[in-house]
């Protein structure tokens, strides 16, 4: 597992079993980010995640799926997993190139996706595989 270097994923895990899991697969097309937002919103509403945190997770899902479609290739998989007070968002694409944040471009409308994910999550990173990668973001759930 690798992170962006500025933060590390949480190593403390809840002793309760995985409480919730939701998965969707999206085609590699422009509508994927919107569909990811709908999927994520629906799951998090059902799980009664507070609205402010839900908005952050939906934003992160949208940014990670947009990156997967624009810079990766193949079907995109989105996984949400809540285990106690931790929520993990994972996005899979079939590109082996690892994500690298660009310097912040304050006037740019595009290109700040990973900067946004870094700002709204507690930690983020990626797990490379021979046939693609998972990019993930972790959140603390306060109910």
Protein backbone atom coordinates (compact mmCIF):
# COMPACT_ATOMS: atom_id res chain seq x y z
CA UNK A 1 0.00 0.00 0.00
CA UNK A 2 1.25 3.44 -0.81
CA UNK A 3 -0.03 6.86 0.05
CA UNK A 4 0.70 10.33 -1.23
CA UNK A 5 3.49 10.59 1.36
CA UNK A 6 1.97 13.32 3.48
CA UNK A 7 -0.32 11.09 5.51
CA UNK A 8 -0.57 7.41 6.23
CA UNK A 9 -3.70 5.28 6.22
CA UNK A 10 -5.20 4.51 9.59
CA UNK A 11 -3.72 1.37 11.11
CA UNK A 12 -6.26 1.22 13.92
CA UNK A 13 -9.25 -0.85 12.92
CA UNK A 14 -12.58 -1.28 14.61
CA UNK A 15 -13.03 -4.55 16.48
CA UNK A 16 -16.56 -4.86 15.11
CA UNK A 17 -17.02 -6.78 11.86
CA UNK A 18 -17.55 -4.95 8.60
CA UNK A 19 -20.94 -3.34 8.96
CA UNK A 20 -21.71 -2.14 5.46
CA UNK A 21 -20.46 -2.61 1.91
CA UNK A 22 -21.71 -1.32 -1.44
CA UNK A 23 -20.20 -1.93 -4.89
CA UNK A 24 -20.96 -0.67 -8.37
CA UNK A 25 -19.28 -1.06 -11.74
CA UNK A 26 -19.37 1.79 -14.21
CA UNK A 27 -18.51 1.93 -17.90
CA UNK A 28 -15.59 4.05 -19.03
CA UNK A 29 -17.64 7.00 -20.24
CA UNK A 30 -18.34 10.63 -19.39
CA UNK A 31 -21.47 9.78 -17.36
CA UNK A 32 -19.51 7.61 -14.90
CA UNK A 33 -18.77 10.41 -12.40
CA UNK A 34 -22.43 11.40 -12.21
CA UNK A 35 -23.48 7.80 -11.75
CA UNK A 36 -20.82 7.41 -9.04
CA UNK A 37 -22.24 10.46 -7.22
CA UNK A 38 -25.76 8.98 -7.36
CA UNK A 39 -24.56 5.57 -6.15
CA UNK A 40 -22.49 7.05 -3.32
CA UNK A 41 -25.21 9.45 -2.20
CA UNK A 42 -27.79 6.66 -2.14
CA UNK A 43 -25.60 4.28 -0.12
CA UNK A 44 -24.52 6.93 2.38
CA UNK A 45 -28.09 8.17 2.89
CA UNK A 46 -29.19 4.58 3.57
CA UNK A 47 -26.33 4.23 6.06
CA UNK A 48 -27.36 7.53 7.72
CA UNK A 49 -23.96 9.15 7.22
CA UNK A 50 -24.21 12.82 8.31
CA UNK A 51 -24.85 15.20 5.38
CA UNK A 52 -21.60 17.21 5.70
CA UNK A 53 -19.47 14.07 5.63
CA UNK A 54 -21.65 12.55 2.92
CA UNK A 55 -20.96 15.60 0.72
CA UNK A 56 -17.19 15.16 1.20
CA UNK A 57 -17.31 11.46 0.33
CA UNK A 58 -19.50 12.07 -2.73
CA UNK A 59 -17.06 14.77 -3.89
CA UNK A 60 -14.10 12.40 -3.42
CA UNK A 61 -15.92 9.62 -5.31
CA UNK A 62 -16.65 11.99 -8.17
CA UNK A 63 -13.03 13.15 -8.38
CA UNK A 64 -11.57 9.62 -8.22
CA UNK A 65 -13.99 8.26 -10.84
CA UNK A 66 -13.32 11.25 -13.09
CA UNK A 67 -9.59 10.51 -12.82
CA UNK A 68 -10.18 6.82 -13.56
CA UNK A 69 -12.16 7.65 -16.70
CA UNK A 70 -9.85 10.42 -17.94
CA UNK A 71 -6.47 8.87 -17.11
CA UNK A 72 -7.21 5.14 -16.88
CA UNK A 73 -9.03 2.73 -19.10
CA UNK A 74 -11.55 -0.05 -18.79
CA UNK A 75 -14.47 -0.54 -16.47
CA UNK A 76 -14.41 1.45 -13.21
CA UNK A 77 -15.38 -0.17 -9.90
CA UNK A 78 -16.46 1.84 -6.87
CA UNK A 79 -16.49 0.21 -3.42
CA UNK A 80 -17.76 1.82 -0.22
CA UNK A 81 -17.01 -0.01 3.02
CA UNK A 82 -17.91 1.15 6.49
CA UNK A 83 -16.37 -0.62 9.45
CA UNK A 84 -17.39 1.00 12.71
CA UNK A 85 -16.32 4.63 12.62
CA UNK A 86 -14.18 4.27 9.48
CA UNK A 87 -15.42 4.57 5.90
CA UNK A 88 -13.23 3.56 2.99
CA UNK A 89 -13.91 4.63 -0.60
CA UNK A 90 -12.02 2.61 -3.24
CA UNK A 91 -12.01 3.15 -7.00
CA UNK A 92 -10.50 0.62 -9.43
CA UNK A 93 -9.37 1.24 -12.98
CA UNK A 94 -7.37 -0.88 -15.39
CA UNK A 95 -4.42 1.46 -15.77
CA UNK A 96 -1.13 0.64 -14.07
CA UNK A 97 0.10 4.24 -13.86
CA UNK A 98 -0.08 5.47 -10.29
CA UNK A 99 -1.76 8.74 -9.37
CA UNK A 100 0.40 11.78 -8.71
CA UNK A 101 -1.04 15.05 -7.46
CA UNK A 102 -0.19 18.10 -9.53
CA UNK A 103 0.76 21.38 -7.93
CA UNK A 104 -2.34 23.35 -6.97
CA UNK A 105 -3.65 25.40 -9.85
CA UNK A 106 -5.86 27.98 -8.15
CA UNK A 107 -7.35 29.43 -11.34
CA UNK A 108 -7.76 26.06 -13.10
CA UNK A 109 -11.16 24.41 -13.32
CA UNK A 110 -9.53 21.01 -13.88
CA UNK A 111 -6.48 19.19 -12.61
CA UNK A 112 -6.98 19.55 -8.85
CA UNK A 113 -8.84 16.27 -8.22
CA UNK A 114 -6.29 14.64 -5.94
CA UNK A 115 -5.73 17.91 -4.10
CA UNK A 116 -9.48 17.97 -3.40
CA UNK A 117 -9.47 14.32 -2.26
CA UNK A 118 -6.55 15.10 0.05
CA UNK A 119 -8.43 18.09 1.51
CA UNK A 120 -11.70 16.25 2.26
CA UNK A 121 -10.37 12.86 3.42
CA UNK A 122 -8.32 11.82 6.43
CA UNK A 123 -5.93 9.95 4.16
CA UNK A 124 -5.73 8.68 0.63
CA UNK A 125 -3.44 6.49 -1.41
CA UNK A 126 -3.28 3.72 -3.94
CA UNK A 127 -2.59 0.01 -4.29
CA UNK A 128 -0.99 -0.94 -7.58
CA UNK A 129 -1.58 -4.30 -9.25
CA UNK A 130 -0.32 -5.88 -12.45
CA UNK A 131 -3.60 -5.15 -14.24
CA UNK A 132 -4.62 -1.81 -12.71
CA UNK A 133 -4.88 -0.02 -9.39
CA UNK A 134 -7.15 0.89 -6.52
CA UNK A 135 -7.14 4.53 -5.45
CA UNK A 136 -8.67 4.97 -2.02
CA UNK A 137 -9.71 7.64 0.45
CA UNK A 138 -10.52 7.09 4.12
CA UNK A 139 -12.97 9.04 6.28
CA UNK A 140 -13.92 9.12 9.96
CA UNK A 141 -17.66 8.66 10.46
CA UNK A 142 -19.16 10.75 13.26
CA UNK A 143 -22.73 9.74 13.95
